[in-house]
Protein backbone atom coordinates (compact mmCIF):
# COMPACT_ATOMS: atom_id res chain seq x y z
CA UNK A 1 -12.78 148.67 -79.66
CA UNK A 2 -15.44 146.72 -78.12
CA UNK A 3 -14.43 144.51 -74.90
CA UNK A 4 -16.18 142.04 -74.24
CA UNK A 5 -17.76 140.71 -70.91
CA UNK A 6 -16.92 137.41 -69.03
CA UNK A 7 -19.58 135.86 -67.62
CA UNK A 8 -19.92 133.49 -64.72
CA UNK A 9 -20.96 130.22 -65.36
CA UNK A 10 -23.83 128.81 -62.76
CA UNK A 11 -22.87 125.50 -61.11
CA UNK A 12 -25.55 123.55 -63.78
CA UNK A 13 -23.47 124.64 -66.33
CA UNK A 14 -20.07 124.04 -65.03
CA UNK A 15 -21.24 120.38 -63.94
CA UNK A 16 -22.53 119.97 -67.84
CA UNK A 17 -18.79 121.13 -68.68
CA UNK A 18 -17.16 118.76 -66.67
CA UNK A 19 -19.63 116.02 -67.33
CA UNK A 20 -19.00 116.73 -71.03
CA UNK A 21 -15.07 116.87 -70.58
CA UNK A 22 -15.27 113.64 -68.43
CA UNK A 23 -17.59 111.80 -71.32
CA UNK A 24 -14.88 113.12 -73.70
CA UNK A 25 -11.70 111.81 -71.69
CA UNK A 26 -13.91 108.57 -71.11
CA UNK A 27 -14.04 107.86 -75.15
CA UNK A 28 -10.97 108.90 -75.61
CA UNK A 29 -9.75 105.90 -73.10
CA UNK A 30 -11.97 103.30 -74.52
CA UNK A 31 -10.67 104.36 -78.28
CA UNK A 32 -7.23 103.50 -76.94
CA UNK A 33 -7.92 99.81 -75.47
CA UNK A 34 -10.43 98.80 -77.98
CA UNK A 35 -9.50 100.33 -81.50
CA UNK A 36 -9.62 97.72 -83.74
CA UNK A 37 -5.83 96.83 -85.04
CA UNK A 38 -4.48 99.71 -82.96
CA UNK A 39 -5.89 99.55 -79.48
CA UNK A 40 -4.14 98.04 -76.49
CA UNK A 41 -5.41 94.83 -76.19
CA UNK A 42 -4.76 94.11 -80.19
CA UNK A 43 -0.73 95.30 -79.24
CA UNK A 44 -0.67 92.86 -76.09
CA UNK A 45 -1.81 89.93 -78.64
CA UNK A 46 0.63 91.20 -81.01
CA UNK A 47 3.01 91.09 -78.52
CA UNK A 48 2.55 87.91 -77.40
CA UNK A 49 2.15 86.47 -81.21
CA UNK A 50 5.98 88.15 -81.72
CA UNK A 51 7.31 86.39 -78.71
CA UNK A 52 5.82 82.73 -80.20
CA UNK A 53 7.30 83.42 -83.28
CA UNK A 54 10.61 84.10 -81.97
CA UNK A 55 11.03 81.28 -79.76
CA UNK A 56 9.91 79.15 -82.86
CA UNK A 57 12.26 80.91 -84.66
CA UNK A 58 15.03 80.07 -82.42
CA UNK A 59 14.10 76.50 -81.97
CA UNK A 60 14.24 76.29 -86.02
CA UNK A 61 17.63 77.83 -86.24
CA UNK A 62 18.92 75.47 -83.28
CA UNK A 63 17.49 72.55 -85.67
CA UNK A 64 19.05 73.77 -88.81
CA UNK A 65 22.20 73.68 -87.40
CA UNK A 66 21.97 70.03 -86.41
CA UNK A 67 20.70 69.33 -89.90
CA UNK A 68 23.56 71.33 -91.31
CA UNK A 69 25.99 69.35 -88.94
CA UNK A 70 24.04 65.84 -90.46
CA UNK A 71 25.01 67.32 -93.30
CA UNK A 72 28.29 68.22 -92.94
CA UNK A 73 28.85 64.64 -90.97
CA UNK A 74 27.56 62.75 -93.65
CA UNK A 75 29.09 64.19 -96.20
CA UNK A 76 33.07 63.90 -94.85
CA UNK A 77 32.98 60.72 -92.37
CA UNK A 78 32.22 57.35 -93.98
CA UNK A 79 32.17 55.44 -90.69
CA UNK A 80 28.89 57.97 -89.44
CA UNK A 81 27.58 57.86 -93.25
CA UNK A 82 27.40 53.99 -93.04
CA UNK A 83 26.22 53.87 -89.31
CA UNK A 84 23.38 55.69 -90.89
CA UNK A 85 22.43 53.62 -93.96
CA UNK A 86 22.99 50.33 -91.21
CA UNK A 87 20.14 52.28 -88.40
CA UNK A 88 17.84 54.07 -90.36
CA UNK A 89 17.73 52.19 -93.85
CA UNK A 90 18.94 48.57 -92.89
CA UNK A 91 21.27 48.48 -95.74
CA UNK A 92 23.83 46.15 -95.11
CA UNK A 93 27.60 45.19 -96.62
CA UNK A 94 28.09 42.73 -99.15
CA UNK A 95 28.24 39.30 -98.21
CA UNK A 96 26.45 40.01 -94.83
CA UNK A 97 23.60 38.14 -93.50
CA UNK A 98 21.18 39.75 -90.63
CA UNK A 99 19.14 37.05 -88.37
CA UNK A 100 16.26 38.41 -85.88
CA UNK A 101 15.28 36.95 -83.24
CA UNK A 102 11.89 37.27 -81.47
CA UNK A 103 12.26 38.31 -77.80
CA UNK A 104 12.47 35.31 -75.03
CA UNK A 105 8.98 34.79 -73.91
CA UNK A 106 8.44 34.96 -70.32
CA UNK A 107 7.78 31.97 -68.34
CA UNK A 108 5.12 31.40 -65.92
CA UNK A 109 6.10 30.42 -62.24
């Protein structure tokens, strides 16, 4: 059986190995940070985008609840329906007349 003799590395070879190992670790860390579509920078950008979309979703859900309540009231509450028809659409009852006046002018003193 052949035995292998262990060689001691010279200081120059040790420095070269440490340099290459450090270079590999540095490349790996840079890849983690800047990998296209997978790096930490993309992760933080996507996380902030998710937070913004979550906030918008909450706002839209609240608006949807308001509109659902408006629809329910319009279908069931005649007084509310009349109020909306008068204020929003300017509708009148039969034999009703509207008088519009100009705002009073300020007098000079």
